[in-house]
């Protein structure tokens, strides 16, 4: 079971439709269908009732609860690992000669120390 399959599963469950899920995800419908079928095959269970839409089976409801937690934790871990206190991007500061010569370097050093704590 891959995280991308869980993300696809969640969107299908939320939208109730393979077609709508494919549109939301920017995938072709056949890819979404194949991934759901692959997940059901891997888990050896039916996750959806297919009757004029996609409705979760009791097993699908259980998996959705876990999928939500897993996706949340994966997103949280990604954010934590990609958050950096290293400055990035451009910085433009305007100051006159007196301020820049005496205070600016000290202020930037203090800012950097606080940002990385």
N, C-alpha and C. Protein backbone atom coordinates (compact mmCIF):
# COMPACT_ATOMS: atom_id res chain seq x y z
N UNK A 1 0.86 -1.16 0.00
CA UNK A 1 0.00 0.00 0.00
C UNK A 1 0.91 1.23 0.00
N UNK A 2 0.69 2.10 -0.95
CA UNK A 2 1.50 3.30 -1.08
C UNK A 2 0.71 4.53 -0.65
N UNK A 3 1.43 5.56 -0.25
CA UNK A 3 0.76 6.77 0.20
C UNK A 3 -0.07 7.40 -0.92
N UNK A 4 0.42 7.31 -2.15
CA UNK A 4 -0.34 7.89 -3.26
C UNK A 4 -1.66 7.16 -3.46
N UNK A 5 -1.66 5.85 -3.27
CA UNK A 5 -2.91 5.09 -3.36
C UNK A 5 -3.89 5.53 -2.29
N UNK A 6 -3.38 5.78 -1.08
CA UNK A 6 -4.24 6.25 0.00
C UNK A 6 -4.80 7.63 -0.30
N UNK A 7 -4.00 8.49 -0.91
CA UNK A 7 -4.48 9.82 -1.29
C UNK A 7 -5.58 9.71 -2.35
N UNK A 8 -5.38 8.84 -3.33
CA UNK A 8 -6.40 8.63 -4.35
C UNK A 8 -7.67 8.06 -3.72
N UNK A 9 -7.51 7.06 -2.87
CA UNK A 9 -8.64 6.47 -2.16
C UNK A 9 -9.43 7.52 -1.40
N UNK A 10 -8.73 8.39 -0.70
CA UNK A 10 -9.40 9.43 0.08
C UNK A 10 -10.21 10.37 -0.80
N UNK A 11 -9.66 10.77 -1.93
CA UNK A 11 -10.37 11.69 -2.82
C UNK A 11 -11.60 11.01 -3.43
N UNK A 12 -11.46 9.75 -3.79
CA UNK A 12 -12.63 9.02 -4.32
C UNK A 12 -13.71 8.94 -3.24
N UNK A 13 -13.32 8.65 -2.03
CA UNK A 13 -14.28 8.58 -0.92
C UNK A 13 -14.94 9.93 -0.68
N UNK A 14 -14.18 11.01 -0.77
CA UNK A 14 -14.72 12.34 -0.53
C UNK A 14 -15.66 12.79 -1.64
N UNK A 15 -15.30 12.49 -2.88
CA UNK A 15 -16.11 12.95 -4.01
C UNK A 15 -17.22 11.98 -4.37
N UNK A 16 -17.05 10.70 -4.01
CA UNK A 16 -18.05 9.70 -4.34
C UNK A 16 -18.06 9.32 -5.81
N UNK A 17 -16.96 9.62 -6.50
CA UNK A 17 -16.92 9.38 -7.94
C UNK A 17 -15.49 9.24 -8.42
N UNK A 18 -15.27 8.25 -9.27
CA UNK A 18 -13.96 8.08 -9.90
C UNK A 18 -13.68 9.27 -10.82
N UNK A 19 -14.68 9.66 -11.59
CA UNK A 19 -14.53 10.77 -12.55
C UNK A 19 -14.18 12.07 -11.84
N UNK A 20 -14.91 12.39 -10.79
CA UNK A 20 -14.64 13.63 -10.04
C UNK A 20 -13.28 13.57 -9.37
N UNK A 21 -12.94 12.42 -8.82
CA UNK A 21 -11.64 12.27 -8.17
C UNK A 21 -10.52 12.47 -9.19
N UNK A 22 -10.69 11.91 -10.38
CA UNK A 22 -9.67 12.07 -11.43
C UNK A 22 -9.51 13.54 -11.78
N UNK A 23 -10.60 14.27 -11.86
CA UNK A 23 -10.53 15.70 -12.16
C UNK A 23 -9.82 16.47 -11.06
N UNK A 24 -10.15 16.17 -9.82
CA UNK A 24 -9.53 16.84 -8.67
C UNK A 24 -8.03 16.57 -8.64
N UNK A 25 -7.66 15.33 -8.90
CA UNK A 25 -6.26 14.92 -8.81
C UNK A 25 -5.45 15.24 -10.06
N UNK A 26 -6.15 15.53 -11.15
CA UNK A 26 -5.45 15.79 -12.41
C UNK A 26 -4.96 14.51 -13.07
N UNK A 27 -5.63 13.40 -12.81
CA UNK A 27 -5.28 12.10 -13.39
C UNK A 27 -6.33 11.71 -14.42
N UNK A 28 -6.01 10.74 -15.24
CA UNK A 28 -7.01 10.18 -16.12
C UNK A 28 -7.85 9.19 -15.31
N UNK A 29 -9.09 9.04 -15.71
CA UNK A 29 -10.03 8.20 -14.97
C UNK A 29 -9.54 6.76 -14.86
N UNK A 30 -8.95 6.24 -15.92
CA UNK A 30 -8.49 4.85 -15.90
C UNK A 30 -7.38 4.63 -14.86
N UNK A 31 -6.56 5.64 -14.64
CA UNK A 31 -5.50 5.52 -13.63
C UNK A 31 -6.10 5.44 -12.23
N UNK A 32 -7.09 6.27 -11.96
CA UNK A 32 -7.74 6.25 -10.64
C UNK A 32 -8.43 4.90 -10.43
N UNK A 33 -9.14 4.43 -11.45
CA UNK A 33 -9.81 3.13 -11.36
C UNK A 33 -8.79 2.02 -11.08
N UNK A 34 -7.69 2.02 -11.82
CA UNK A 34 -6.67 0.98 -11.65
C UNK A 34 -6.06 1.03 -10.25
N UNK A 35 -5.82 2.21 -9.73
CA UNK A 35 -5.21 2.32 -8.40
C UNK A 35 -6.16 1.84 -7.30
N UNK A 36 -7.45 2.14 -7.46
CA UNK A 36 -8.44 1.66 -6.48
C UNK A 36 -8.53 0.14 -6.55
N UNK A 37 -8.59 -0.40 -7.76
CA UNK A 37 -8.64 -1.86 -7.92
C UNK A 37 -7.39 -2.52 -7.36
N UNK A 38 -6.24 -1.89 -7.58
CA UNK A 38 -4.98 -2.42 -7.05
C UNK A 38 -5.00 -2.44 -5.53
N UNK A 39 -5.51 -1.37 -4.92
CA UNK A 39 -5.58 -1.29 -3.47
C UNK A 39 -6.53 -2.36 -2.93
N UNK A 40 -7.67 -2.52 -3.58
CA UNK A 40 -8.63 -3.55 -3.14
C UNK A 40 -8.03 -4.95 -3.29
N UNK A 41 -7.30 -5.17 -4.36
CA UNK A 41 -6.67 -6.46 -4.57
C UNK A 41 -5.59 -6.73 -3.52
N UNK A 42 -4.81 -5.72 -3.25
CA UNK A 42 -3.74 -5.86 -2.26
C UNK A 42 -4.29 -6.15 -0.87
N UNK A 43 -5.39 -5.49 -0.52
CA UNK A 43 -6.01 -5.67 0.79
C UNK A 43 -6.99 -6.84 0.81
N UNK A 44 -7.25 -7.38 -0.37
CA UNK A 44 -8.16 -8.52 -0.51
C UNK A 44 -9.55 -8.23 0.06
N UNK A 45 -10.05 -7.04 -0.24
CA UNK A 45 -11.37 -6.65 0.24
C UNK A 45 -11.96 -5.58 -0.68
N UNK A 46 -13.27 -5.48 -0.68
CA UNK A 46 -13.94 -4.44 -1.45
C UNK A 46 -14.05 -3.19 -0.57
N UNK A 47 -13.61 -2.06 -1.11
CA UNK A 47 -13.62 -0.81 -0.35
C UNK A 47 -14.82 0.07 -0.68
N UNK A 48 -15.40 -0.13 -1.87
CA UNK A 48 -16.51 0.69 -2.32
C UNK A 48 -17.65 -0.17 -2.84
N UNK A 49 -18.87 0.32 -2.60
CA UNK A 49 -20.03 -0.19 -3.32
C UNK A 49 -20.12 0.68 -4.57
N UNK A 50 -20.29 0.06 -5.71
CA UNK A 50 -20.34 0.79 -6.97
C UNK A 50 -21.76 0.80 -7.50
N UNK A 51 -22.56 1.79 -7.08
CA UNK A 51 -23.94 1.93 -7.51
C UNK A 51 -24.21 3.41 -7.74
N UNK A 52 -24.21 3.82 -9.00
CA UNK A 52 -24.44 5.25 -9.31
C UNK A 52 -23.58 6.14 -8.41
N UNK A 53 -22.35 5.80 -8.36
CA UNK A 53 -21.40 6.51 -7.51
C UNK A 53 -20.60 5.52 -6.70
N UNK A 54 -19.71 6.03 -5.92
CA UNK A 54 -18.83 5.19 -5.11
C UNK A 54 -19.16 5.45 -3.64
N UNK A 55 -19.61 4.41 -2.95
CA UNK A 55 -19.95 4.52 -1.54
C UNK A 55 -19.07 3.56 -0.75
N UNK A 56 -18.54 4.02 0.35
CA UNK A 56 -17.64 3.19 1.15
C UNK A 56 -18.36 2.00 1.77
N UNK A 57 -17.68 0.87 1.73
CA UNK A 57 -18.12 -0.29 2.49
C UNK A 57 -17.68 -0.07 3.93
N UNK A 58 -18.15 -0.89 4.86
CA UNK A 58 -17.66 -0.75 6.24
C UNK A 58 -16.13 -0.86 6.33
N UNK A 59 -15.55 -1.75 5.52
CA UNK A 59 -14.09 -1.87 5.50
C UNK A 59 -13.46 -0.60 4.93
N UNK A 60 -14.09 -0.03 3.91
CA UNK A 60 -13.61 1.22 3.33
C UNK A 60 -13.65 2.36 4.33
N UNK A 61 -14.68 2.39 5.16
CA UNK A 61 -14.77 3.43 6.20
C UNK A 61 -13.64 3.28 7.21
N UNK A 62 -13.32 2.05 7.56
CA UNK A 62 -12.19 1.82 8.49
C UNK A 62 -10.88 2.29 7.86
N UNK A 63 -10.69 1.91 6.59
CA UNK A 63 -9.45 2.31 5.92
C UNK A 63 -9.37 3.83 5.79
N UNK A 64 -10.49 4.49 5.52
CA UNK A 64 -10.48 5.95 5.38
C UNK A 64 -9.99 6.61 6.66
N UNK A 65 -10.43 6.11 7.80
CA UNK A 65 -9.98 6.69 9.08
C UNK A 65 -8.46 6.57 9.22
N UNK A 66 -7.92 5.41 8.86
CA UNK A 66 -6.47 5.23 8.92
C UNK A 66 -5.76 6.05 7.85
N UNK A 67 -6.35 6.11 6.66
CA UNK A 67 -5.74 6.87 5.57
C UNK A 67 -5.61 8.34 5.95
N UNK A 68 -6.64 8.88 6.58
CA UNK A 68 -6.59 10.29 7.02
C UNK A 68 -5.43 10.51 7.98
N UNK A 69 -5.27 9.61 8.93
CA UNK A 69 -4.18 9.73 9.91
C UNK A 69 -2.81 9.60 9.24
N UNK A 70 -2.70 8.62 8.36
CA UNK A 70 -1.42 8.39 7.68
C UNK A 70 -1.04 9.57 6.82
N UNK A 71 -1.99 10.08 6.04
CA UNK A 71 -1.72 11.22 5.16
C UNK A 71 -1.35 12.44 5.98
N UNK A 72 -2.05 12.65 7.09
CA UNK A 72 -1.73 13.78 7.96
C UNK A 72 -0.30 13.67 8.48
N UNK A 73 0.08 12.48 8.95
CA UNK A 73 1.43 12.29 9.48
C UNK A 73 2.50 12.43 8.39
N UNK A 74 2.22 11.92 7.21
CA UNK A 74 3.18 12.08 6.11
C UNK A 74 3.36 13.55 5.75
N UNK A 75 2.26 14.29 5.68
CA UNK A 75 2.35 15.72 5.37
C UNK A 75 3.08 16.47 6.48
N UNK A 76 2.82 16.09 7.72
CA UNK A 76 3.48 16.74 8.85
C UNK A 76 4.98 16.45 8.83
N UNK A 77 5.36 15.22 8.55
CA UNK A 77 6.77 14.86 8.48
C UNK A 77 7.46 15.59 7.33
N UNK A 78 6.80 15.67 6.20
CA UNK A 78 7.37 16.39 5.05
C UNK A 78 7.59 17.86 5.40
N UNK A 79 6.62 18.44 6.05
CA UNK A 79 6.75 19.85 6.44
C UNK A 79 7.89 20.04 7.44
N UNK A 80 7.98 19.15 8.41
CA UNK A 80 9.03 19.26 9.43
C UNK A 80 10.42 19.09 8.83
N UNK A 81 10.54 18.17 7.89
CA UNK A 81 11.85 17.92 7.29
C UNK A 81 12.24 18.98 6.29
N UNK A 82 11.26 19.64 5.70
CA UNK A 82 11.57 20.64 4.69
C UNK A 82 11.58 22.06 5.24
N UNK A 83 11.13 22.22 6.49
CA UNK A 83 11.24 23.53 7.13
C UNK A 83 12.70 23.73 7.51
N UNK A 84 13.21 24.84 7.17
CA UNK A 84 14.61 25.10 7.46
C UNK A 84 14.74 26.50 8.01
N UNK A 85 15.64 26.65 8.95
CA UNK A 85 15.88 27.99 9.46
C UNK A 85 16.92 28.71 8.61
N UNK A 86 17.43 28.03 7.60
CA UNK A 86 18.37 28.68 6.70
C UNK A 86 17.61 29.67 5.83
N UNK A 87 18.09 30.89 5.78
CA UNK A 87 17.41 31.88 4.95
C UNK A 87 17.41 31.46 3.48
N UNK A 88 16.35 31.78 2.82
CA UNK A 88 16.28 31.50 1.39
C UNK A 88 15.49 32.61 0.72
N UNK A 89 15.66 32.75 -0.56
CA UNK A 89 14.97 33.81 -1.29
C UNK A 89 15.74 35.10 -1.20
N UNK A 90 15.16 36.12 -1.77
CA UNK A 90 15.85 37.41 -1.78
C UNK A 90 15.40 38.28 -0.61
N UNK A 91 16.28 39.17 -0.21
CA UNK A 91 16.01 40.10 0.88
C UNK A 91 16.48 41.47 0.43
N UNK A 92 15.60 42.44 0.49
CA UNK A 92 15.97 43.82 0.14
C UNK A 92 15.75 44.69 1.36
N UNK A 93 16.78 45.44 1.74
CA UNK A 93 16.70 46.32 2.89
C UNK A 93 17.20 47.70 2.47
N UNK A 94 16.42 48.67 2.82
CA UNK A 94 16.85 50.05 2.56
C UNK A 94 17.22 50.74 3.86
N UNK A 95 18.36 51.37 3.91
CA UNK A 95 18.81 52.06 5.11
C UNK A 95 19.81 53.13 4.73
N UNK A 96 19.85 54.18 5.57
CA UNK A 96 20.85 55.23 5.29
C UNK A 96 22.21 54.78 5.83
N UNK A 97 23.23 55.52 5.52
CA UNK A 97 24.61 55.14 5.86
C UNK A 97 24.84 54.97 7.35
N UNK A 98 24.24 55.81 8.15
CA UNK A 98 24.47 55.75 9.59
C UNK A 98 23.91 54.45 10.17
N UNK A 99 22.66 54.12 9.80
CA UNK A 99 22.03 52.91 10.33
C UNK A 99 22.75 51.67 9.79
N UNK A 100 23.03 51.65 8.51
CA UNK A 100 23.64 50.45 7.94
C UNK A 100 25.05 50.22 8.48
N UNK A 101 25.78 51.29 8.76
CA UNK A 101 27.14 51.14 9.25
C UNK A 101 27.20 50.71 10.70
N UNK A 102 26.25 51.11 11.51
CA UNK A 102 26.35 50.86 12.95
C UNK A 102 25.40 49.78 13.47
N UNK A 103 24.20 49.71 12.91
CA UNK A 103 23.19 48.84 13.54
C UNK A 103 22.72 47.66 12.68
N UNK A 104 22.78 47.78 11.39
CA UNK A 104 22.15 46.79 10.53
C UNK A 104 22.74 45.39 10.70
N UNK A 105 24.04 45.27 10.74
CA UNK A 105 24.64 43.94 10.87
C UNK A 105 24.26 43.30 12.21
N UNK A 106 24.21 44.09 13.26
CA UNK A 106 23.82 43.57 14.57
C UNK A 106 22.36 43.11 14.57
N UNK A 107 21.48 43.89 13.98
CA UNK A 107 20.07 43.53 13.92
C UNK A 107 19.84 42.25 13.11
N UNK A 108 20.54 42.13 11.99
CA UNK A 108 20.38 40.92 11.18
C UNK A 108 20.92 39.69 11.90
N UNK A 109 22.00 39.83 12.63
CA UNK A 109 22.54 38.71 13.39
C UNK A 109 21.56 38.28 14.49
N UNK A 110 20.95 39.23 15.17
CA UNK A 110 19.97 38.90 16.21
C UNK A 110 18.75 38.22 15.61
N UNK A 111 18.30 38.71 14.48
CA UNK A 111 17.16 38.11 13.79
C UNK A 111 17.46 36.66 13.41
N UNK A 112 18.62 36.43 12.86
CA UNK A 112 18.99 35.09 12.46
C UNK A 112 19.04 34.12 13.64
N UNK A 113 19.57 34.57 14.76
CA UNK A 113 19.64 33.73 15.94
C UNK A 113 18.23 33.37 16.45
N UNK A 114 17.33 34.33 16.45
CA UNK A 114 15.97 34.07 16.92
C UNK A 114 15.20 33.18 15.96
N UNK A 115 15.42 33.32 14.67
CA UNK A 115 14.70 32.55 13.67
C UNK A 115 15.09 31.08 13.71
N UNK A 116 16.28 30.76 14.16
CA UNK A 116 16.76 29.39 14.14
C UNK A 116 16.60 28.68 15.48
N UNK A 117 15.98 29.30 16.42
CA UNK A 117 15.81 28.66 17.75
C UNK A 117 14.61 27.73 17.71
